PDB file of all heavy atoms in Angstrom:
ATOM      1  N   ALA A   1       0.860  -1.230   0.021  1.00  0.00           N
ATOM      2  CA  ALA A   1       0.051  -0.011   0.059  1.00  0.00           C
ATOM      3  C   ALA A   1       0.856   1.255   0.007  1.00  0.00           C
ATOM      4  O   ALA A   1       1.849   1.343   0.633  1.00  0.00           O
ATOM      5  CB  ALA A   1      -0.886  -0.076   1.201  1.00  0.00           C
ATOM      6  N   GLY A   2       0.404   2.247  -0.746  1.00  0.00           N
ATOM      7  CA  GLY A   2       1.148   3.514  -0.911  1.00  0.00           C
ATOM      8  C   GLY A   2       2.219   3.658  -1.774  1.00  0.00           C
ATOM      9  O   GLY A   2       2.800   4.721  -2.007  1.00  0.00           O
ATOM     10  N   ARG A   3       2.492   2.546  -2.502  1.00  0.00           N
ATOM     11  CA  ARG A   3       3.649   2.568  -3.387  1.00  0.00           C
ATOM     12  C   ARG A   3       3.321   2.322  -4.842  1.00  0.00           C
ATOM     13  O   ARG A   3       4.080   2.238  -5.721  1.00  0.00           O
ATOM     14  CB  ARG A   3       4.661   1.376  -3.018  1.00  0.00           C
ATOM     15  CG  ARG A   3       5.227   1.628  -1.664  1.00  0.00           C
ATOM     16  CD  ARG A   3       6.003   0.390  -1.080  1.00  0.00           C
ATOM     17  NE  ARG A   3       6.787  -0.178  -2.218  1.00  0.00           N
ATOM     18  CZ  ARG A   3       6.981  -1.483  -2.253  1.00  0.00           C
ATOM     19  NH1 ARG A   3       6.651  -2.311  -1.307  1.00  0.00           N
ATOM     20  NH2 ARG A   3       7.851  -1.902  -3.252  1.00  0.00           N
ATOM     21  N   GLY A   4       2.014   2.084  -5.108  1.00  0.00           N
ATOM     22  CA  GLY A   4       1.607   1.840  -6.401  1.00  0.00           C
ATOM     23  C   GLY A   4       0.233   2.295  -6.783  1.00  0.00           C
ATOM     24  O   GLY A   4      -0.421   3.089  -5.897  1.00  0.00           O
ATOM     25  N   GLY A   5      -0.340   2.043  -7.923  1.00  0.00           N
ATOM     26  CA  GLY A   5      -1.610   2.417  -8.295  1.00  0.00           C
ATOM     27  C   GLY A   5      -2.143   1.709  -9.509  1.00  0.00           C
ATOM     28  O   GLY A   5      -1.379   0.861 -10.073  1.00  0.00           O
ATOM     29  N   MET A   6      -3.331   1.916  -9.963  1.00  0.00           N
ATOM     30  CA  MET A   6      -3.836   1.328 -11.045  1.00  0.00           C
ATOM     31  C   MET A   6      -4.681   2.231 -11.988  1.00  0.00           C
ATOM     32  O   MET A   6      -5.368   3.184 -11.312  1.00  0.00           O
ATOM     33  CB  MET A   6      -4.715   0.069 -10.737  1.00  0.00           C
ATOM     34  CG  MET A   6      -4.024  -0.919  -9.818  1.00  0.00           C
ATOM     35  SD  MET A   6      -4.878  -2.431  -9.370  1.00  0.00           S
ATOM     36  CE  MET A   6      -4.682  -3.422 -10.864  1.00  0.00           C
ATOM     37  N   VAL A   7      -4.717   2.161 -13.189  1.00  0.00           N
ATOM     38  CA  VAL A   7      -5.382   3.070 -14.112  1.00  0.00           C
ATOM     39  C   VAL A   7      -6.124   2.278 -15.114  1.00  0.00           C
ATOM     40  O   VAL A   7      -5.600   1.293 -15.721  1.00  0.00           O
ATOM     41  CB  VAL A   7      -4.321   4.011 -14.831  1.00  0.00           C
ATOM     42  CG1 VAL A   7      -4.991   4.654 -16.046  1.00  0.00           C
ATOM     43  CG2 VAL A   7      -3.802   4.977 -13.902  1.00  0.00           C
ATOM     44  N   SER A   8      -7.449   2.677 -15.387  1.00  0.00           N
ATOM     45  CA  SER A   8      -8.294   2.027 -16.404  1.00  0.00           C
ATOM     46  C   SER A   8      -8.188   2.762 -17.645  1.00  0.00           C
ATOM     47  O   SER A   8      -8.245   4.006 -17.709  1.00  0.00           O
ATOM     48  CB  SER A   8      -9.738   2.037 -15.934  1.00  0.00           C
ATOM     49  OG  SER A   8     -10.579   1.510 -16.838  1.00  0.00           O
ATOM     50  N   VAL A   9      -7.897   2.085 -18.768  1.00  0.00           N
ATOM     51  CA  VAL A   9      -7.660   2.651 -20.118  1.00  0.00           C
ATOM     52  C   VAL A   9      -8.743   2.116 -21.132  1.00  0.00           C
ATOM     53  O   VAL A   9      -8.889   0.925 -21.196  1.00  0.00           O
ATOM     54  CB  VAL A   9      -6.257   2.451 -20.664  1.00  0.00           C
ATOM     55  CG1 VAL A   9      -6.004   3.067 -21.970  1.00  0.00           C
ATOM     56  CG2 VAL A   9      -5.249   2.934 -19.627  1.00  0.00           C
ATOM     57  N   ALA A  10      -9.362   3.076 -21.799  1.00  0.00           N
ATOM     58  CA  ALA A  10     -10.431   2.591 -22.735  1.00  0.00           C
ATOM     59  C   ALA A  10      -9.738   2.413 -24.102  1.00  0.00           C
ATOM     60  O   ALA A  10      -9.996   3.226 -24.984  1.00  0.00           O
ATOM     61  CB  ALA A  10     -11.581   3.571 -22.803  1.00  0.00           C
ATOM     62  N   ALA A  11      -8.939   1.408 -24.249  1.00  0.00           N
ATOM     63  CA  ALA A  11      -8.356   1.163 -25.542  1.00  0.00           C
ATOM     64  C   ALA A  11      -7.960  -0.329 -25.584  1.00  0.00           C
ATOM     65  O   ALA A  11      -8.132  -0.978 -24.650  1.00  0.00           O
ATOM     66  CB  ALA A  11      -7.004   1.993 -25.584  1.00  0.00           C
ATOM     67  N   SER A  12      -7.560  -0.741 -26.778  1.00  0.00           N
ATOM     68  CA  SER A  12      -7.126  -2.230 -26.842  1.00  0.00           C
ATOM     69  C   SER A  12      -5.815  -2.355 -26.136  1.00  0.00           C
ATOM     70  O   SER A  12      -5.086  -1.464 -25.753  1.00  0.00           O
ATOM     71  CB  SER A  12      -6.936  -2.432 -28.442  1.00  0.00           C
ATOM     72  OG  SER A  12      -5.831  -1.732 -28.944  1.00  0.00           O
ATOM     73  N   THR A  13      -5.464  -3.633 -26.004  1.00  0.00           N
ATOM     74  CA  THR A  13      -4.278  -3.988 -25.337  1.00  0.00           C
ATOM     75  C   THR A  13      -3.072  -3.532 -26.175  1.00  0.00           C
ATOM     76  O   THR A  13      -2.030  -2.958 -25.590  1.00  0.00           O
ATOM     77  CB  THR A  13      -4.154  -5.515 -25.223  1.00  0.00           C
ATOM     78  OG1 THR A  13      -5.289  -5.992 -24.671  1.00  0.00           O
ATOM     79  CG2 THR A  13      -2.819  -5.964 -24.462  1.00  0.00           C
ATOM     80  N   GLU A  14      -3.123  -3.600 -27.394  1.00  0.00           N
ATOM     81  CA  GLU A  14      -2.055  -3.168 -28.352  1.00  0.00           C
ATOM     82  C   GLU A  14      -1.811  -1.665 -28.211  1.00  0.00           C
ATOM     83  O   GLU A  14      -0.618  -1.183 -28.035  1.00  0.00           O
ATOM     84  CB  GLU A  14      -2.340  -3.492 -29.762  1.00  0.00           C
ATOM     85  CG  GLU A  14      -2.367  -4.991 -30.079  1.00  0.00           C
ATOM     86  CD  GLU A  14      -3.648  -5.632 -29.549  1.00  0.00           C
ATOM     87  OE1 GLU A  14      -4.608  -5.029 -29.252  1.00  0.00           O
ATOM     88  OE2 GLU A  14      -3.527  -6.998 -29.423  1.00  0.00           O
ATOM     89  N   ARG A  15      -2.835  -0.930 -28.276  1.00  0.00           N
ATOM     90  CA  ARG A  15      -2.805   0.579 -28.147  1.00  0.00           C
ATOM     91  C   ARG A  15      -2.237   1.014 -26.746  1.00  0.00           C
ATOM     92  O   ARG A  15      -1.411   1.826 -26.608  1.00  0.00           O
ATOM     93  CB  ARG A  15      -4.015   1.297 -28.592  1.00  0.00           C
ATOM     94  CG  ARG A  15      -3.860   2.763 -28.605  1.00  0.00           C
ATOM     95  CD  ARG A  15      -5.155   3.421 -29.090  1.00  0.00           C
ATOM     96  NE  ARG A  15      -4.819   4.836 -29.398  1.00  0.00           N
ATOM     97  CZ  ARG A  15      -5.728   5.864 -29.643  1.00  0.00           C
ATOM     98  NH1 ARG A  15      -7.063   5.457 -29.754  1.00  0.00           N
ATOM     99  NH2 ARG A  15      -5.446   7.025 -29.847  1.00  0.00           N
ATOM    100  N   THR A  16      -2.847   0.401 -25.751  1.00  0.00           N
ATOM    101  CA  THR A  16      -2.408   0.675 -24.329  1.00  0.00           C
ATOM    102  C   THR A  16      -0.949   0.378 -24.106  1.00  0.00           C
ATOM    103  O   THR A  16      -0.187   1.191 -23.645  1.00  0.00           O
ATOM    104  CB  THR A  16      -3.215  -0.221 -23.471  1.00  0.00           C
ATOM    105  OG1 THR A  16      -4.590   0.153 -23.548  1.00  0.00           O
ATOM    106  CG2 THR A  16      -2.878   0.143 -21.933  1.00  0.00           C
ATOM    107  N   THR A  17      -0.412  -0.699 -24.683  1.00  0.00           N
ATOM    108  CA  THR A  17       0.937  -1.143 -24.558  1.00  0.00           C
ATOM    109  C   THR A  17       1.805   0.029 -25.239  1.00  0.00           C
ATOM    110  O   THR A  17       2.898   0.386 -24.694  1.00  0.00           O
ATOM    111  CB  THR A  17       1.219  -2.461 -25.268  1.00  0.00           C
ATOM    112  OG1 THR A  17       0.402  -3.436 -24.495  1.00  0.00           O
ATOM    113  CG2 THR A  17       2.668  -2.886 -25.085  1.00  0.00           C
ATOM    114  N   ARG A  18       1.402   0.559 -26.395  1.00  0.00           N
ATOM    115  CA  ARG A  18       2.193   1.540 -26.999  1.00  0.00           C
ATOM    116  C   ARG A  18       2.230   2.864 -26.261  1.00  0.00           C
ATOM    117  O   ARG A  18       3.131   3.646 -26.351  1.00  0.00           O
ATOM    118  CB  ARG A  18       1.650   1.782 -28.524  1.00  0.00           C
ATOM    119  CG  ARG A  18       1.792   0.762 -29.472  1.00  0.00           C
ATOM    120  CD  ARG A  18       1.607   1.231 -30.872  1.00  0.00           C
ATOM    121  NE  ARG A  18       0.185   1.562 -31.074  1.00  0.00           N
ATOM    122  CZ  ARG A  18      -0.738   0.864 -31.509  1.00  0.00           C
ATOM    123  NH1 ARG A  18      -0.540  -0.470 -31.784  1.00  0.00           N
ATOM    124  NH2 ARG A  18      -1.979   1.357 -31.662  1.00  0.00           N
ATOM    125  N   LEU A  19       1.248   3.045 -25.490  1.00  0.00           N
ATOM    126  CA  LEU A  19       1.189   4.328 -24.638  1.00  0.00           C
ATOM    127  C   LEU A  19       1.919   4.235 -23.366  1.00  0.00           C
ATOM    128  O   LEU A  19       2.165   5.148 -22.676  1.00  0.00           O
ATOM    129  CB  LEU A  19      -0.422   4.635 -24.275  1.00  0.00           C
ATOM    130  CG  LEU A  19      -1.240   5.073 -25.524  1.00  0.00           C
ATOM    131  CD1 LEU A  19      -2.644   5.106 -25.044  1.00  0.00           C
ATOM    132  CD2 LEU A  19      -0.783   6.461 -25.899  1.00  0.00           C
ATOM    133  N   LEU A  20       2.340   3.053 -22.926  1.00  0.00           N
ATOM    134  CA  LEU A  20       3.044   2.786 -21.651  1.00  0.00           C
ATOM    135  C   LEU A  20       4.427   3.622 -21.713  1.00  0.00           C
ATOM    136  O   LEU A  20       5.116   3.553 -22.768  1.00  0.00           O
ATOM    137  CB  LEU A  20       3.335   1.351 -21.351  1.00  0.00           C
ATOM    138  CG  LEU A  20       2.056   0.436 -21.170  1.00  0.00           C
ATOM    139  CD1 LEU A  20       2.574  -0.899 -20.776  1.00  0.00           C
ATOM    140  CD2 LEU A  20       1.319   0.978 -20.022  1.00  0.00           C
ATOM    141  N   PRO A  21       4.778   4.296 -20.588  1.00  0.00           N
ATOM    142  CA  PRO A  21       6.107   4.939 -20.476  1.00  0.00           C
ATOM    143  C   PRO A  21       7.199   3.864 -20.664  1.00  0.00           C
ATOM    144  O   PRO A  21       7.020   2.658 -20.352  1.00  0.00           O
ATOM    145  CB  PRO A  21       6.108   5.511 -19.088  1.00  0.00           C
ATOM    146  CG  PRO A  21       4.644   5.489 -18.704  1.00  0.00           C
ATOM    147  CD  PRO A  21       3.955   4.412 -19.392  1.00  0.00           C
ATOM    148  N   ALA A  22       8.315   4.354 -21.173  1.00  0.00           N
ATOM    149  CA  ALA A  22       9.408   3.396 -21.417  1.00  0.00           C
ATOM    150  C   ALA A  22      10.174   2.953 -20.251  1.00  0.00           C
ATOM    151  O   ALA A  22      10.948   1.997 -20.328  1.00  0.00           O
ATOM    152  CB  ALA A  22      10.466   4.273 -22.342  1.00  0.00           C
ATOM    153  N   GLY A  23       9.871   3.410 -19.064  1.00  0.00           N
ATOM    154  CA  GLY A  23      10.576   2.993 -17.797  1.00  0.00           C
ATOM    155  C   GLY A  23      10.472   1.539 -17.369  1.00  0.00           C
ATOM    156  O   GLY A  23      11.327   1.067 -16.639  1.00  0.00           O
ATOM    157  N   GLY A  24       9.379   0.913 -17.797  1.00  0.00           N
ATOM    158  CA  GLY A  24       9.168  -0.444 -17.534  1.00  0.00           C
ATOM    159  C   GLY A  24       8.618  -0.672 -16.069  1.00  0.00           C
ATOM    160  O   GLY A  24       8.625  -1.825 -15.669  1.00  0.00           O
ATOM    161  N   ARG A  25       8.236   0.364 -15.413  1.00  0.00           N
ATOM    162  CA  ARG A  25       7.625   0.185 -14.077  1.00  0.00           C
ATOM    163  C   ARG A  25       6.174   0.208 -13.990  1.00  0.00           C
ATOM    164  O   ARG A  25       5.569   0.324 -12.912  1.00  0.00           O
ATOM    165  CB  ARG A  25       8.179   1.317 -13.167  1.00  0.00           C
ATOM    166  CG  ARG A  25       9.801   1.214 -12.970  1.00  0.00           C
ATOM    167  CD  ARG A  25      10.283   2.105 -11.939  1.00  0.00           C
ATOM    168  NE  ARG A  25      10.099   3.524 -12.295  1.00  0.00           N
ATOM    169  CZ  ARG A  25      10.924   4.202 -12.947  1.00  0.00           C
ATOM    170  NH1 ARG A  25      12.075   3.686 -13.514  1.00  0.00           N
ATOM    171  NH2 ARG A  25      10.725   5.517 -13.212  1.00  0.00           N
ATOM    172  N   VAL A  26       5.484   0.082 -15.130  1.00  0.00           N
ATOM    173  CA  VAL A  26       4.057  -0.212 -15.180  1.00  0.00           C
ATOM    174  C   VAL A  26       3.812  -1.255 -16.236  1.00  0.00           C
ATOM    175  O   VAL A  26       4.677  -1.593 -17.058  1.00  0.00           O
ATOM    176  CB  VAL A  26       3.193   1.065 -15.603  1.00  0.00           C
ATOM    177  CG1 VAL A  26       3.349   2.160 -14.609  1.00  0.00           C
ATOM    178  CG2 VAL A  26       3.693   1.626 -16.977  1.00  0.00           C
ATOM    179  N   CYS A  27       2.658  -1.918 -16.119  1.00  0.00           N
ATOM    180  CA  CYS A  27       2.394  -3.113 -17.050  1.00  0.00           C
ATOM    181  C   CYS A  27       0.901  -3.230 -17.185  1.00  0.00           C
ATOM    182  O   CYS A  27       0.050  -2.662 -16.289  1.00  0.00           O
ATOM    183  CB  CYS A  27       3.022  -4.391 -16.483  1.00  0.00           C
ATOM    184  SG  CYS A  27       2.247  -4.919 -14.960  1.00  0.00           S
ATOM    185  N   VAL A  28       0.486  -3.996 -18.165  1.00  0.00           N
ATOM    186  CA  VAL A  28      -0.949  -4.300 -18.345  1.00  0.00           C
ATOM    187  C   VAL A  28      -1.363  -5.413 -17.221  1.00  0.00           C
ATOM    188  O   VAL A  28      -0.747  -6.364 -17.199  1.00  0.00           O
ATOM    189  CB  VAL A  28      -1.185  -4.888 -19.684  1.00  0.00           C
ATOM    190  CG1 VAL A  28      -2.555  -5.544 -19.707  1.00  0.00           C
ATOM    191  CG2 VAL A  28      -1.050  -3.837 -20.761  1.00  0.00           C
ATOM    192  N   ALA A  29      -2.276  -5.002 -16.430  1.00  0.00           N
ATOM    193  CA  ALA A  29      -2.618  -5.740 -15.354  1.00  0.00           C
ATOM    194  C   ALA A  29      -3.901  -6.594 -15.449  1.00  0.00           C
ATOM    195  O   ALA A  29      -4.197  -7.555 -14.814  1.00  0.00           O
ATOM    196  CB  ALA A  29      -2.823  -4.910 -13.976  1.00  0.00           C
ATOM    197  N   ALA A  30      -4.722  -6.140 -16.436  1.00  0.00           N
ATOM    198  CA  ALA A  30      -5.980  -6.844 -16.709  1.00  0.00           C
ATOM    199  C   ALA A  30      -6.535  -6.448 -18.100  1.00  0.00           C
ATOM    200  O   ALA A  30      -6.393  -5.325 -18.462  1.00  0.00           O
ATOM    201  CB  ALA A  30      -7.128  -6.447 -15.625  1.00  0.00           C
ATOM    202  N   VAL A  31      -7.098  -7.350 -18.680  1.00  0.00           N
ATOM    203  CA  VAL A  31      -7.759  -7.146 -20.041  1.00  0.00           C
ATOM    204  C   VAL A  31      -9.247  -7.570 -19.841  1.00  0.00           C
ATOM    205  O   VAL A  31      -9.573  -8.726 -19.786  1.00  0.00           O
ATOM    206  CB  VAL A  31      -7.126  -7.914 -21.302  1.00  0.00           C
ATOM    207  CG1 VAL A  31      -7.828  -7.589 -22.499  1.00  0.00           C
ATOM    208  CG2 VAL A  31      -5.653  -7.540 -21.318  1.00  0.00           C
ATOM    209  N   ASN A  32     -10.067  -6.581 -19.810  1.00  0.00           N
ATOM    210  CA  ASN A  32     -11.576  -6.857 -19.381  1.00  0.00           C
ATOM    211  C   ASN A  32     -12.421  -6.976 -20.678  1.00  0.00           C
ATOM    212  O   ASN A  32     -13.456  -7.445 -20.685  1.00  0.00           O
ATOM    213  CB  ASN A  32     -12.031  -5.744 -18.496  1.00  0.00           C
ATOM    214  CG  ASN A  32     -11.326  -5.732 -17.136  1.00  0.00           C
ATOM    215  OD1 ASN A  32     -10.824  -6.769 -16.799  1.00  0.00           O
ATOM    216  ND2 ASN A  32     -11.361  -4.615 -16.487  1.00  0.00           N
ATOM    217  N   GLY A  33     -11.858  -6.423 -21.873  1.00  0.00           N
ATOM    218  CA  GLY A  33     -12.578  -6.515 -23.082  1.00  0.00           C
ATOM    219  C   GLY A  33     -11.820  -5.877 -24.209  1.00  0.00           C
ATOM    220  O   GLY A  33     -10.630  -5.555 -24.008  1.00  0.00           O
ATOM    221  N   PRO A  34     -12.271  -5.831 -25.433  1.00  0.00           N
ATOM    222  CA  PRO A  34     -11.478  -5.372 -26.567  1.00  0.00           C
ATOM    223  C   PRO A  34     -11.037  -4.026 -26.369  1.00  0.00           C
ATOM    224  O   PRO A  34     -10.015  -3.682 -27.037  1.00  0.00           O
ATOM    225  CB  PRO A  34     -12.540  -5.494 -27.677  1.00  0.00           C
ATOM    226  CG  PRO A  34     -13.518  -6.455 -27.269  1.00  0.00           C
ATOM    227  CD  PRO A  34     -13.718  -6.267 -25.840  1.00  0.00           C
ATOM    228  N   GLY A  35     -11.675  -3.164 -25.661  1.00  0.00           N
ATOM    229  CA  GLY A  35     -11.317  -1.758 -25.407  1.00  0.00           C
ATOM    230  C   GLY A  35     -11.373  -1.377 -23.955  1.00  0.00           C
ATOM    231  O   GLY A  35     -11.690  -0.351 -23.595  1.00  0.00           O
TER     232      GLY A  35
END
C-alpha cells in the first residue's frame, strides 16, 4: 500500500501497450474487453 496504483484505459491491449512509459515500471494488469 502507498507504493503503487492502477489506471483504467479505454483502448485495446495493443494501443495501451504503445502508450506505456518506457521506464518499465508499469504493465498491463487486466484485459476486461476489446477496449
